[in-house]
Amino acid sequence: MIRRPLRFIAAVALLALAFAAVPALAAKQDPAQALALAQAKLDAGDAEGALKLLDPLVKREPKLARGYLLRATARLMLGEAGGKEDLDKALALDATLRQGWLDRAAVAVSERRYDAALADFEKARALDPADADGILNIGAVQLLLGRLDEATRSFQDYLGQRPGDGAAYYLVAKNYALTGYAGLAVQNLQQAIALDERLRASARGDANFADLSSNPRFQELLRADSYRVPADALRAERAYPGAYAGGKGPLLLATMDALQALGEGFDPRVEVTPEWALLWSSMRIRISDDAKGQGQVALTAPSTAMSAGEWKQKSARLLDTILVQLGKRRVIGGPVKPGGANR
């Protein structure tokens, strides 16, 4: 197993709470308001500002567990060693502070003290057994400890609480990839993509999968357009004089130009392969070349997305606008008759 420094996949980030500003005088008199102000500063990345509130607060309220917890966050953000001491104080004062156990476990992972991290994650999970992310945290550390069977059971429990959630499988795949289990990483990533094909686009640029770059199964997974259009889906397609040519031709850019010209937002995750490209807006847009090398755009959407009449109008408008944008790019070729198979 490949051991790595902290690039942790599990959900251990500090809680982000938004609070309205309160007068400084009131903050000095009311610990709750001071804590709220300090949390707001931490959320804004102002650790030094938070410390200016928290130092006098914990001095005045030495048994205020949450004061130590927030000061630990500020100190850790600033790289101060006292952050770990504050975490210990906070948990000694109030062992029900789940975030404190999560934070201390994350620190332990960063220091490769995996046994200590596992113990703290288990304490956090005991405080909220219904939180699926708690199982993910435990499985991630079990992998770092080389306990593959235990980790796999934890991940199965986690996925069981997130049925049909592609993002959950994606997180599990990243944990396997980071610890060198290529086969299990690809297996879970394949399931993630089956549930949400946009996750394939995410995986292409995800550094957590960098070690799989030469893995044949991983590369095959990235090359394959495994999506199967439902029989009742709304469909439209058209051929164009401008080629796709592996993304080097004008058709992909013309399609993006057309979406922008129509004010149609689209997912920034654009997949480009030698054979096809995919964009997602209110419809799925696949760009490729046919057997004769002529560009082709195929549109699909769920049958429930809009009425057949709305689809015919919307799809034709986009396909027509693509042709206009190709013309603006001075595409050389004969005229293409507007229309095509609209359903």
C-alpha atoms as a PDB file:
ATOM      1  CA  MET A   1       0.000   0.000   0.000  1.00  0.00           C
ATOM      2  CA  ILE A   2       1.240   3.479  -0.843  1.00  0.00           C
ATOM      3  CA  ARG A   3       1.210   5.789   2.158  1.00  0.00           C
ATOM      4  CA  ARG A   4       0.653   9.430   1.471  1.00  0.00           C
ATOM      5  CA  PRO A   5       0.616  12.744   3.303  1.00  0.00           C
ATOM      6  CA  LEU A   6      -2.709  14.349   4.036  1.00  0.00           C
ATOM      7  CA  ARG A   7      -4.859  14.908   0.987  1.00  0.00           C
ATOM      8  CA  PHE A   8      -7.895  13.756   2.849  1.00  0.00           C
ATOM      9  CA  ILE A   9     -11.062  12.873   0.982  1.00  0.00           C
ATOM     10  CA  ALA A  10     -13.455  12.512   3.912  1.00  0.00           C
ATOM     11  CA  ALA A  11     -15.721  15.258   5.147  1.00  0.00           C
ATOM     12  CA  VAL A  12     -13.761  16.767   8.022  1.00  0.00           C
ATOM     13  CA  ALA A  13     -13.856  20.434   7.009  1.00  0.00           C
ATOM     14  CA  LEU A  14     -14.709  23.005   9.661  1.00  0.00           C
ATOM     15  CA  LEU A  15     -18.345  24.019   9.838  1.00  0.00           C
ATOM     16  CA  ALA A  16     -19.094  27.230   7.965  1.00  0.00           C
ATOM     17  CA  LEU A  17     -21.609  29.357   9.864  1.00  0.00           C
ATOM     18  CA  ALA A  18     -22.748  32.843   8.885  1.00  0.00           C
ATOM     19  CA  PHE A  19     -23.530  35.337  11.579  1.00  0.00           C
ATOM     20  CA  ALA A  20     -24.594  38.957  11.551  1.00  0.00           C
ATOM     21  CA  ALA A  21     -22.177  41.455  13.019  1.00  0.00           C
ATOM     22  CA  VAL A  22     -22.852  42.603  16.589  1.00  0.00           C
ATOM     23  CA  PRO A  23     -21.444  45.586  18.448  1.00  0.00           C
ATOM     24  CA  ALA A  24     -18.027  45.041  19.994  1.00  0.00           C
ATOM     25  CA  LEU A  25     -19.281  46.003  23.456  1.00  0.00           C
ATOM     26  CA  ALA A  26     -21.957  43.334  23.355  1.00  0.00           C
ATOM     27  CA  ALA A  27     -19.380  40.781  22.212  1.00  0.00           C
ATOM     28  CA  LYS A  28     -17.284  41.456  25.308  1.00  0.00           C
ATOM     29  CA  GLN A  29     -20.270  40.945  27.556  1.00  0.00           C
ATOM     30  CA  ASP A  30     -21.807  37.891  25.892  1.00  0.00           C
ATOM     31  CA  PRO A  31     -19.598  34.819  25.178  1.00  0.00           C
ATOM     32  CA  ALA A  32     -22.085  33.538  22.601  1.00  0.00           C
ATOM     33  CA  GLN A  33     -21.797  36.719  20.581  1.00  0.00           C
ATOM     34  CA  ALA A  34     -18.018  36.706  20.846  1.00  0.00           C
ATOM     35  CA  LEU A  35     -17.976  33.125  19.605  1.00  0.00           C
ATOM     36  CA  ALA A  36     -20.234  34.070  16.718  1.00  0.00           C
ATOM     37  CA  LEU A  37     -17.972  36.944  15.731  1.00  0.00           C
ATOM     38  CA  ALA A  38     -14.897  34.719  15.948  1.00  0.00           C
ATOM     39  CA  GLN A  39     -16.555  32.042  13.827  1.00  0.00           C
ATOM     40  CA  ALA A  40     -17.481  34.622  11.212  1.00  0.00           C
ATOM     41  CA  LYS A  41     -13.870  35.798  11.038  1.00  0.00           C
ATOM     42  CA  LEU A  42     -12.658  32.212  10.667  1.00  0.00           C
ATOM     43  CA  ASP A  43     -15.158  31.659   7.869  1.00  0.00           C
ATOM     44  CA  ALA A  44     -13.698  34.717   6.149  1.00  0.00           C
ATOM     45  CA  GLY A  45     -10.153  33.357   6.560  1.00  0.00           C
ATOM     46  CA  ASP A  46      -9.218  35.980   9.156  1.00  0.00           C
ATOM     47  CA  ALA A  47      -7.536  33.756  11.744  1.00  0.00           C
ATOM     48  CA  GLU A  48      -5.612  36.653  13.308  1.00  0.00           C
ATOM     49  CA  GLY A  49      -8.809  38.629  13.762  1.00  0.00           C
ATOM     50  CA  ALA A  50     -10.449  35.614  15.376  1.00  0.00           C
ATOM     51  CA  LEU A  51      -7.529  35.221  17.785  1.00  0.00           C
ATOM     52  CA  LYS A  52      -7.909  38.825  18.941  1.00  0.00           C
ATOM     53  CA  LEU A  53     -11.419  37.939  20.059  1.00  0.00           C
ATOM     54  CA  LEU A  54     -10.680  34.463  21.384  1.00  0.00           C
ATOM     55  CA  ASP A  55      -7.554  35.100  23.463  1.00  0.00           C
ATOM     56  CA  PRO A  56      -9.286  37.442  25.950  1.00  0.00           C
ATOM     57  CA  LEU A  57     -12.441  35.315  25.817  1.00  0.00           C
ATOM     58  CA  VAL A  58     -10.796  32.061  26.965  1.00  0.00           C
ATOM     59  CA  LYS A  59      -8.836  33.982  29.565  1.00  0.00           C
ATOM     60  CA  ARG A  60     -12.077  35.398  30.924  1.00  0.00           C
ATOM     61  CA  GLU A  61     -14.018  32.118  30.421  1.00  0.00           C
ATOM     62  CA  PRO A  62     -11.475  29.319  31.108  1.00  0.00           C
ATOM     63  CA  LYS A  63     -14.149  26.611  31.035  1.00  0.00           C
ATOM     64  CA  LEU A  64     -15.670  27.653  27.698  1.00  0.00           C
ATOM     65  CA  ALA A  65     -14.988  24.575  25.576  1.00  0.00           C
ATOM     66  CA  ARG A  66     -16.132  26.121  22.318  1.00  0.00           C
ATOM     67  CA  GLY A  67     -13.789  29.046  22.889  1.00  0.00           C
ATOM     68  CA  TYR A  68     -10.831  26.667  22.925  1.00  0.00           C
ATOM     69  CA  LEU A  69     -12.211  24.814  19.893  1.00  0.00           C
ATOM     70  CA  LEU A  70     -12.398  27.979  17.811  1.00  0.00           C
ATOM     71  CA  ARG A  71      -9.026  29.174  19.034  1.00  0.00           C
ATOM     72  CA  ALA A  72      -7.595  25.807  18.029  1.00  0.00           C
ATOM     73  CA  THR A  73      -8.940  26.387  14.530  1.00  0.00           C
ATOM     74  CA  ALA A  74      -7.393  29.838  14.358  1.00  0.00           C
ATOM     75  CA  ARG A  75      -4.036  28.610  15.609  1.00  0.00           C
ATOM     76  CA  LEU A  76      -3.970  25.672  13.243  1.00  0.00           C
ATOM     77  CA  MET A  77      -4.802  27.994  10.338  1.00  0.00           C
ATOM     78  CA  LEU A  78      -1.815  30.108  11.335  1.00  0.00           C
ATOM     79  CA  GLY A  79       0.431  27.058  11.799  1.00  0.00           C
ATOM     80  CA  GLU A  80       0.797  27.564  15.551  1.00  0.00           C
ATOM     81  CA  ALA A  81       1.609  24.501  17.650  1.00  0.00           C
ATOM     82  CA  GLY A  82      -0.802  25.634  20.371  1.00  0.00           C
ATOM     83  CA  GLY A  83      -3.718  24.582  18.196  1.00  0.00           C
ATOM     84  CA  LYS A  84      -3.379  20.942  19.205  1.00  0.00           C
ATOM     85  CA  GLU A  85      -3.225  21.881  22.881  1.00  0.00           C
ATOM     86  CA  ASP A  86      -6.417  23.907  22.519  1.00  0.00           C
ATOM     87  CA  LEU A  87      -8.155  20.955  20.886  1.00  0.00           C
ATOM     88  CA  ASP A  88      -7.218  18.769  23.838  1.00  0.00           C
ATOM     89  CA  LYS A  89      -8.528  21.397  26.274  1.00  0.00           C
ATOM     90  CA  ALA A  90     -11.793  21.770  24.404  1.00  0.00           C
ATOM     91  CA  LEU A  91     -12.445  18.021  24.412  1.00  0.00           C
ATOM     92  CA  ALA A  92     -11.433  17.679  28.050  1.00  0.00           C
ATOM     93  CA  LEU A  93     -14.041  20.311  28.930  1.00  0.00           C
ATOM     94  CA  ASP A  94     -16.743  18.908  26.632  1.00  0.00           C
ATOM     95  CA  ALA A  95     -16.371  15.459  25.112  1.00  0.00           C
ATOM     96  CA  THR A  96     -19.580  15.947  23.107  1.00  0.00           C
ATOM     97  CA  LEU A  97     -17.922  18.449  20.766  1.00  0.00           C
ATOM     98  CA  ARG A  98     -18.047  16.294  17.655  1.00  0.00           C
ATOM     99  CA  GLN A  99     -16.219  18.861  15.555  1.00  0.00           C
ATOM    100  CA  GLY A 100     -13.360  18.752  18.039  1.00  0.00           C
ATOM    101  CA  TRP A 101     -12.886  15.012  17.491  1.00  0.00           C
ATOM    102  CA  LEU A 102     -13.058  15.502  13.736  1.00  0.00           C
ATOM    103  CA  ASP A 103     -10.495  18.298  13.845  1.00  0.00           C
ATOM    104  CA  ARG A 104      -8.141  16.379  16.099  1.00  0.00           C
ATOM    105  CA  ALA A 105      -8.434  13.315  13.862  1.00  0.00           C
ATOM    106  CA  ALA A 106      -7.609  15.420  10.800  1.00  0.00           C
ATOM    107  CA  VAL A 107      -4.511  16.756  12.536  1.00  0.00           C
ATOM    108  CA  ALA A 108      -3.477  13.194  13.399  1.00  0.00           C
ATOM    109  CA  VAL A 109      -3.882  12.123   9.775  1.00  0.00           C
ATOM    110  CA  SER A 110      -1.711  15.024   8.627  1.00  0.00           C
ATOM    111  CA  GLU A 111       0.965  13.789  11.052  1.00  0.00           C
ATOM    112  CA  ARG A 112       0.504  10.159   9.920  1.00  0.00           C
ATOM    113  CA  ARG A 113      -0.664   9.098  13.369  1.00  0.00           C
ATOM    114  CA  TYR A 114      -3.334   6.915  11.860  1.00  0.00           C
ATOM    115  CA  ASP A 115      -4.196   4.886  14.965  1.00  0.00           C
ATOM    116  CA  ALA A 116      -4.909   8.094  16.873  1.00  0.00           C
ATOM    117  CA  ALA A 117      -6.917   9.448  13.954  1.00  0.00           C
ATOM    118  CA  LEU A 118      -9.035   6.311  13.795  1.00  0.00           C
ATOM    119  CA  ALA A 119      -9.791   6.490  17.511  1.00  0.00           C
ATOM    120  CA  ASP A 120     -10.907  10.105  17.234  1.00  0.00           C
ATOM    121  CA  PHE A 121     -13.011   9.475  14.144  1.00  0.00           C
ATOM    122  CA  GLU A 122     -14.726   6.622  15.950  1.00  0.00           C
ATOM    123  CA  LYS A 123     -15.531   8.932  18.870  1.00  0.00           C
ATOM    124  CA  ALA A 124     -16.966  11.481  16.449  1.00  0.00           C
ATOM    125  CA  ARG A 125     -19.066   8.805  14.788  1.00  0.00           C
ATOM    126  CA  ALA A 126     -20.422   7.639  18.142  1.00  0.00           C
ATOM    127  CA  LEU A 127     -21.787  11.154  18.658  1.00  0.00           C
ATOM    128  CA  ASP A 128     -23.696  11.043  15.353  1.00  0.00           C
ATOM    129  CA  PRO A 129     -24.123   7.468  14.076  1.00  0.00           C
ATOM    130  CA  ALA A 130     -26.555   8.626  11.383  1.00  0.00           C
ATOM    131  CA  ASP A 131     -23.923  10.749   9.614  1.00  0.00           C
ATOM    132  CA  ALA A 132     -22.710   8.712   6.642  1.00  0.00           C
ATOM    133  CA  ASP A 133     -19.567  10.832   6.304  1.00  0.00           C
ATOM    134  CA  GLY A 134     -18.443   9.457   9.662  1.00  0.00           C
ATOM    135  CA  ILE A 135     -18.204   5.995   8.119  1.00  0.00           C
ATOM    136  CA  LEU A 136     -16.292   7.417   5.157  1.00  0.00           C
ATOM    137  CA  ASN A 137     -13.752   8.991   7.517  1.00  0.00           C
ATOM    138  CA  ILE A 138     -13.222   5.700   9.304  1.00  0.00           C
ATOM    139  CA  GLY A 139     -12.849   3.763   6.068  1.00  0.00           C
ATOM    140  CA  ALA A 140     -10.300   6.244   4.754  1.00  0.00           C
ATOM    141  CA  VAL A 141      -8.083   5.844   7.822  1.00  0.00           C
ATOM    142  CA  GLN A 142      -8.494   2.069   7.812  1.00  0.00           C
ATOM    143  CA  LEU A 143      -7.058   2.125   4.304  1.00  0.00           C
ATOM    144  CA  LEU A 144      -4.112   4.210   5.494  1.00  0.00           C
ATOM    145  CA  LEU A 145      -3.540   1.586   8.187  1.00  0.00           C
ATOM    146  CA  GLY A 146      -3.560  -1.166   5.559  1.00  0.00           C
ATOM    147  CA  ARG A 147      -6.793  -2.708   6.830  1.00  0.00           C
ATOM    148  CA  LEU A 148      -8.314  -3.282   3.422  1.00  0.00           C
ATOM    149  CA  ASP A 149     -11.101  -5.652   4.456  1.00  0.00           C
ATOM    150  CA  GLU A 150     -12.250  -3.368   7.270  1.00  0.00           C
ATOM    151  CA  ALA A 151     -12.090  -0.331   5.024  1.00  0.00           C
ATOM    152  CA  THR A 152     -14.089  -2.049   2.306  1.00  0.00           C
ATOM    153  CA  ARG A 153     -16.812  -2.930   4.811  1.00  0.00           C
ATOM    154  CA  SER A 154     -16.876   0.671   6.014  1.00  0.00           C
ATOM    155  CA  PHE A 155     -17.167   1.946   2.447  1.00  0.00           C
ATOM    156  CA  GLN A 156     -19.960  -0.534   1.721  1.00  0.00           C
ATOM    157  CA  ASP A 157     -21.825   0.749   4.776  1.00  0.00           C
ATOM    158  CA  TYR A 158     -21.258   4.314   3.589  1.00  0.00           C
ATOM    159  CA  LEU A 159     -22.514   3.570   0.081  1.00  0.00           C
ATOM    160  CA  GLY A 160     -25.486   1.738   1.545  1.00  0.00           C
ATOM    161  CA  GLN A 161     -26.543   4.995   3.181  1.00  0.00           C
ATOM    162  CA  ARG A 162     -26.102   6.867  -0.120  1.00  0.00           C
ATOM    163  CA  PRO A 163     -27.947   4.636  -2.613  1.00  0.00           C
ATOM    164  CA  GLY A 164     -27.775   5.882  -6.174  1.00  0.00           C
ATOM    165  CA  ASP A 165     -25.350   8.676  -5.264  1.00  0.00           C
ATOM    166  CA  GLY A 166     -22.592   8.865  -7.868  1.00  0.00           C
ATOM    167  CA  ALA A 167     -20.638  11.399  -5.799  1.00  0.00           C
ATOM    168  CA  ALA A 168     -20.424   8.871  -2.939  1.00  0.00           C
ATOM    169  CA  TYR A 169     -18.869   6.240  -5.207  1.00  0.00           C
ATOM    170  CA  TYR A 170     -16.520   8.916  -6.546  1.00  0.00           C
ATOM    171  CA  LEU A 171     -15.240   9.690  -3.028  1.00  0.00           C
ATOM    172  CA  VAL A 172     -14.670   6.013  -2.327  1.00  0.00           C
ATOM    173  CA  ALA A 173     -12.819   5.670  -5.632  1.00  0.00           C
ATOM    174  CA  LYS A 174     -10.534   8.571  -4.696  1.00  0.00           C
ATOM    175  CA  ASN A 175      -9.692   6.986  -1.352  1.00  0.00           C
ATOM    176  CA  TYR A 176      -8.761   3.717  -3.058  1.00  0.00           C
ATOM    177  CA  ALA A 177      -6.721   5.557  -5.700  1.00  0.00           C
ATOM    178  CA  LEU A 178      -4.770   7.543  -3.101  1.00  0.00           C
ATOM    179  CA  THR A 179      -3.750   4.397  -1.262  1.00  0.00           C
ATOM    180  CA  GLY A 180      -2.699   2.444  -4.333  1.00  0.00           C
ATOM    181  CA  TYR A 181      -5.698   0.139  -4.850  1.00  0.00           C
ATOM    182  CA  ALA A 182      -6.087   0.777  -8.568  1.00  0.00           C
ATOM    183  CA  GLY A 183      -8.565  -2.001  -9.301  1.00  0.00           C
ATOM    184  CA  LEU A 184     -10.966  -0.974  -6.550  1.00  0.00           C
ATOM    185  CA  ALA A 185     -10.560   2.671  -7.525  1.00  0.00           C
ATOM    186  CA  VAL A 186     -11.549   1.992 -11.148  1.00  0.00           C
ATOM    187  CA  GLN A 187     -14.412  -0.287 -10.072  1.00  0.00           C
ATOM    188  CA  ASN A 188     -15.974   2.400  -7.870  1.00  0.00           C
ATOM    189  CA  LEU A 189     -15.287   5.155 -10.388  1.00  0.00           C
ATOM    190  CA  GLN A 190     -17.063   3.109 -13.044  1.00  0.00           C
ATOM    191  CA  GLN A 191     -20.097   2.862 -10.801  1.00  0.00           C
ATOM    192  CA  ALA A 192     -19.926   6.602 -10.099  1.00  0.00           C
ATOM    193  CA  ILE A 193     -19.923   7.386 -13.823  1.00  0.00           C
ATOM    194  CA  ALA A 194     -22.792   4.970 -14.449  1.00  0.00           C
ATOM    195  CA  LEU A 195     -24.841   7.005 -11.974  1.00  0.00           C
ATOM    196  CA  ASP A 196     -23.607  10.425 -13.167  1.00  0.00           C
ATOM    197  CA  GLU A 197     -21.534  10.566 -16.335  1.00  0.00           C
ATOM    198  CA  ARG A 198     -20.326  14.080 -15.535  1.00  0.00           C
ATOM    199  CA  LEU A 199     -18.082  12.520 -12.907  1.00  0.00           C
ATOM    200  CA  ARG A 200     -15.984  11.106 -15.751  1.00  0.00           C
ATOM    201  CA  ALA A 201     -15.178  14.695 -16.715  1.00  0.00           C
ATOM    202  CA  SER A 202     -14.277  15.447 -13.095  1.00  0.00           C
ATOM    203  CA  ALA A 203     -11.955  12.444 -12.941  1.00  0.00           C
ATOM    204  CA  ARG A 204      -9.965  13.588 -15.984  1.00  0.00           C
ATOM    205  CA  GLY A 205      -8.433  16.528 -14.150  1.00  0.00           C
ATOM    206  CA  ASP A 206      -8.497  15.138 -10.611  1.00  0.00           C
ATOM    207  CA  ALA A 207      -4.975  14.901  -9.178  1.00  0.00           C
ATOM    208  CA  ASN A 208      -6.162  12.165  -6.825  1.00  0.00           C
ATOM    209  CA  PHE A 209      -6.282   9.825  -9.829  1.00  0.00           C
ATOM    210  CA  ALA A 210      -2.860  10.849 -11.148  1.00  0.00           C
ATOM    211  CA  ASP A 211      -1.279   7.477 -10.347  1.00  0.00           C
ATOM    212  CA  LEU A 212      -3.861   5.776 -12.571  1.00  0.00           C
ATOM    213  CA  SER A 213      -2.829   7.729 -15.662  1.00  0.00           C
ATOM    214  CA  SER A 214      -1.098   4.676 -17.161  1.00  0.00           C
ATOM    215  CA  ASN A 215      -3.705   2.178 -15.998  1.00  0.00           C
ATOM    216  CA  PRO A 216      -5.399   0.629 -19.077  1.00  0.00           C
ATOM    217  CA  ARG A 217      -8.758   0.127 -17.339  1.00  0.00           C
ATOM    218  CA  PHE A 218      -8.781   3.735 -16.162  1.00  0.00           C
ATOM    219  CA  GLN A 219      -7.918   5.033 -19.636  1.00  0.00           C
ATOM    220  CA  GLU A 220     -10.580   2.837 -21.212  1.00  0.00           C
ATOM    221  CA  LEU A 221     -13.124   4.192 -18.736  1.00  0.00           C
ATOM    222  CA  LEU A 222     -12.254   7.772 -19.718  1.00  0.00           C
ATOM    223  CA  ARG A 223     -12.464   7.021 -23.443  1.00  0.00           C
ATOM    224  CA  ALA A 224     -15.811   5.242 -23.380  1.00  0.00           C
ATOM    225  CA  ASP A 225     -19.090   7.079 -23.839  1.00  0.00           C
ATOM    226  CA  SER A 226     -21.144   4.484 -21.997  1.00  0.00           C
ATOM    227  CA  TYR A 227     -24.325   6.549 -21.812  1.00  0.00           C
ATOM    228  CA  ARG A 228     -27.413   4.834 -23.174  1.00  0.00           C
ATOM    229  CA  VAL A 229     -30.109   7.226 -24.342  1.00  0.00           C
ATOM    230  CA  PRO A 230     -33.485   6.205 -22.869  1.00  0.00           C
ATOM    231  CA  ALA A 231     -36.030   5.021 -25.418  1.00  0.00           C
ATOM    232  CA  ASP A 232     -38.423   7.834 -24.540  1.00  0.00           C
ATOM    233  CA  ALA A 233     -35.796  10.601 -24.526  1.00  0.00           C
ATOM    234  CA  LEU A 234     -36.211  13.793 -26.517  1.00  0.00           C
ATOM    235  CA  ARG A 235     -33.750  13.778 -29.404  1.00  0.00           C
ATOM    236  CA  ALA A 236     -32.445  15.990 -32.175  1.00  0.00           C
ATOM    237  CA  GLU A 237     -29.366  15.861 -34.382  1.00  0.00           C
ATOM    238  CA  ARG A 238     -27.820  17.573 -37.360  1.00  0.00           C
ATOM    239  CA  ALA A 239     -24.787  17.267 -39.625  1.00  0.00           C
ATOM    240  CA  TYR A 240     -22.553  20.284 -40.336  1.00  0.00           C
ATOM    241  CA  PRO A 241     -19.849  21.284 -42.801  1.00  0.00           C
ATOM    242  CA  GLY A 242     -17.462  22.028 -39.948  1.00  0.00           C
ATOM    243  CA  ALA A 243     -15.695  18.985 -38.527  1.00  0.00           C
ATOM    244  CA  TYR A 244     -15.144  18.027 -34.911  1.00  0.00           C
ATOM    245  CA  ALA A 245     -11.710  16.569 -35.700  1.00  0.00           C
ATOM    246  CA  GLY A 246     -10.870  15.519 -32.180  1.00  0.00           C
ATOM    247  CA  GLY A 247     -11.707  18.952 -30.820  1.00  0.00           C
ATOM    248  CA  LYS A 248      -9.350  20.682 -33.230  1.00  0.00           C
ATOM    249  CA  GLY A 249     -12.030  21.472 -35.793  1.00  0.00           C
ATOM    250  CA  PRO A 250     -14.415  24.431 -35.553  1.00  0.00           C
ATOM    251  CA  LEU A 251     -17.557  22.521 -34.510  1.00  0.00           C
ATOM    252  CA  LEU A 252     -16.887  22.316 -30.768  1.00  0.00           C
ATOM    253  CA  LEU A 253     -16.112  26.018 -30.444  1.00  0.00           C
ATOM    254  CA  ALA A 254     -19.056  26.921 -32.654  1.00  0.00           C
ATOM    255  CA  THR A 255     -21.346  24.909 -30.381  1.00  0.00           C
ATOM    256  CA  MET A 256     -20.051  26.702 -27.319  1.00  0.00           C
ATOM    257  CA  ASP A 257     -20.422  30.029 -29.136  1.00  0.00           C
ATOM    258  CA  ALA A 258     -24.022  29.142 -29.944  1.00  0.00           C
ATOM    259  CA  LEU A 259     -24.846  28.319 -26.325  1.00  0.00           C
ATOM    260  CA  GLN A 260     -23.375  31.631 -25.205  1.00  0.00           C
ATOM    261  CA  ALA A 261     -25.184  33.540 -27.944  1.00  0.00           C
ATOM    262  CA  LEU A 262     -28.481  32.044 -26.777  1.00  0.00           C
ATOM    263  CA  GLY A 263     -27.737  32.772 -23.131  1.00  0.00           C
ATOM    264  CA  GLU A 264     -27.831  29.047 -22.412  1.00  0.00           C
ATOM    265  CA  GLY A 265     -25.576  28.238 -19.480  1.00  0.00           C
ATOM    266  CA  PHE A 266     -23.589  25.023 -19.591  1.00  0.00           C
ATOM    267  CA  ASP A 267     -21.500  22.947 -17.255  1.00  0.00           C
ATOM    268  CA  PRO A 268     -17.839  24.091 -17.299  1.00  0.00           C
ATOM    269  CA  ARG A 269     -16.825  20.431 -17.293  1.00  0.00           C
ATOM    270  CA  VAL A 270     -16.490  19.926 -21.040  1.00  0.00           C
ATOM    271  CA  GLU A 271     -15.237  16.506 -22.073  1.00  0.00           C
ATOM    272  CA  VAL A 272     -13.018  16.375 -25.136  1.00  0.00           C
ATOM    273  CA  THR A 273     -11.714  13.081 -26.517  1.00  0.00           C
ATOM    274  CA  PRO A 274     -10.335  12.150 -29.956  1.00  0.00           C
ATOM    275  CA  GLU A 275     -13.712  10.643 -30.911  1.00  0.00           C
ATOM    276  CA  TRP A 276     -16.291  12.880 -29.223  1.00  0.00           C
ATOM    277  CA  ALA A 277     -16.961  15.804 -26.949  1.00  0.00           C
ATOM    278  CA  LEU A 278     -19.746  16.306 -24.414  1.00  0.00           C
ATOM    279  CA  LEU A 279     -21.359  19.440 -23.045  1.00  0.00           C
ATOM    280  CA  TRP A 280     -24.264  19.643 -20.622  1.00  0.00           C
ATOM    281  CA  SER A 281     -26.758  22.473 -20.496  1.00  0.00           C
ATOM    282  CA  SER A 282     -30.490  21.890 -20.196  1.00  0.00           C
ATOM    283  CA  MET A 283     -29.737  19.116 -22.664  1.00  0.00           C
ATOM    284  CA  ARG A 284     -26.931  16.654 -23.318  1.00  0.00           C
ATOM    285  CA  ILE A 285     -24.863  17.773 -26.317  1.00  0.00           C
ATOM    286  CA  ARG A 286     -22.619  15.260 -28.065  1.00  0.00           C
ATOM    287  CA  ILE A 287     -20.263  16.421 -30.821  1.00  0.00           C
ATOM    288  CA  SER A 288     -18.461  14.035 -33.135  1.00  0.00           C
ATOM    289  CA  ASP A 289     -17.725  13.239 -36.780  1.00  0.00           C
ATOM    290  CA  ASP A 290     -19.633  10.750 -38.885  1.00  0.00           C
ATOM    291  CA  ALA A 291     -18.055   8.078 -41.061  1.00  0.00           C
ATOM    292  CA  LYS A 292     -17.502  10.645 -43.840  1.00  0.00           C
ATOM    293  CA  GLY A 293     -15.709  13.071 -41.534  1.00  0.00           C
ATOM    294  CA  GLN A 294     -18.635  15.452 -41.418  1.00  0.00           C
ATOM    295  CA  GLY A 295     -19.379  17.128 -38.090  1.00  0.00           C
ATOM    296  CA  GLN A 296     -22.417  15.989 -36.163  1.00  0.00           C
ATOM    297  CA  VAL A 297     -24.231  17.353 -33.112  1.00  0.00           C
ATOM    298  CA  ALA A 298     -26.684  15.149 -31.221  1.00  0.00           C
ATOM    299  CA  LEU A 299     -28.966  16.589 -28.538  1.00  0.00           C
ATOM    300  CA  THR A 300     -30.904  14.623 -25.953  1.00  0.00           C
ATOM    301  CA  ALA A 301     -32.936  15.395 -22.849  1.00  0.00           C
ATOM    302  CA  PRO A 302     -35.222  13.411 -20.531  1.00  0.00           C
ATOM    303  CA  SER A 303     -38.799  13.143 -21.750  1.00  0.00           C
ATOM    304  CA  THR A 304     -39.901  14.916 -18.570  1.00  0.00           C
ATOM    305  CA  ALA A 305     -37.633  17.938 -19.145  1.00  0.00           C
ATOM    306  CA  MET A 306     -40.115  19.797 -21.359  1.00  0.00           C
ATOM    307  CA  SER A 307     -42.995  19.271 -23.742  1.00  0.00           C
ATOM    308  CA  ALA A 308     -42.394  17.902 -27.225  1.00  0.00           C
ATOM    309  CA  GLY A 309     -43.291  21.290 -28.688  1.00  0.00           C
ATOM    310  CA  GLU A 310     -40.864  23.138 -26.423  1.00  0.00           C
ATOM    311  CA  TRP A 311     -38.151  20.635 -27.272  1.00  0.00           C
ATOM    312  CA  LYS A 312     -38.649  21.000 -31.019  1.00  0.00           C
ATOM    313  CA  GLN A 313     -38.368  24.772 -30.766  1.00  0.00           C
ATOM    314  CA  LYS A 314     -35.451  24.792 -28.332  1.00  0.00           C
ATOM    315  CA  SER A 315     -33.369  22.152 -30.091  1.00  0.00           C
ATOM    316  CA  ALA A 316     -33.927  23.627 -33.555  1.00  0.00           C
ATOM    317  CA  ARG A 317     -32.913  27.042 -32.287  1.00  0.00           C
ATOM    318  CA  LEU A 318     -29.632  25.710 -30.935  1.00  0.00           C
ATOM    319  CA  LEU A 319     -28.850  23.653 -34.028  1.00  0.00           C
ATOM    320  CA  ASP A 320     -29.584  26.633 -36.278  1.00  0.00           C
ATOM    321  CA  THR A 321     -27.398  28.907 -34.148  1.00  0.00           C
ATOM    322  CA  ILE A 322     -24.512  26.454 -34.371  1.00  0.00           C
ATOM    323  CA  LEU A 323     -24.677  26.742 -38.157  1.00  0.00           C
ATOM    324  CA  VAL A 324     -24.616  30.530 -37.871  1.00  0.00           C
ATOM    325  CA  GLN A 325     -21.597  30.401 -35.574  1.00  0.00           C
ATOM    326  CA  LEU A 326     -19.811  28.072 -37.961  1.00  0.00           C
ATOM    327  CA  GLY A 327     -20.387  30.639 -40.670  1.00  0.00           C
ATOM    328  CA  LYS A 328     -18.846  33.328 -38.518  1.00  0.00           C
ATOM    329  CA  ARG A 329     -15.795  31.137 -38.163  1.00  0.00           C
ATOM    330  CA  ARG A 330     -15.589  31.070 -41.987  1.00  0.00           C
ATOM    331  CA  VAL A 331     -16.020  27.361 -42.299  1.00  0.00           C
ATOM    332  CA  ILE A 332     -15.387  26.216 -45.838  1.00  0.00           C
ATOM    333  CA  GLY A 333     -17.895  23.721 -47.161  1.00  0.00           C
ATOM    334  CA  GLY A 334     -21.142  23.322 -48.986  1.00  0.00           C
ATOM    335  CA  PRO A 335     -24.471  24.368 -47.507  1.00  0.00           C
ATOM    336  CA  VAL A 336     -26.158  22.062 -45.057  1.00  0.00           C
ATOM    337  CA  LYS A 337     -29.918  21.912 -45.100  1.00  0.00           C
ATOM    338  CA  PRO A 338     -31.392  22.985 -41.771  1.00  0.00           C
ATOM    339  CA  GLY A 339     -33.563  20.493 -40.023  1.00  0.00           C
ATOM    340  CA  GLY A 340     -32.727  16.960 -39.056  1.00  0.00           C
ATOM    341  CA  ALA A 341     -34.374  14.426 -36.844  1.00  0.00           C
ATOM    342  CA  ASN A 342     -36.261  16.274 -34.131  1.00  0.00           C
ATOM    343  CA  ARG A 343     -38.380  14.426 -31.676  1.00  0.00           C
END
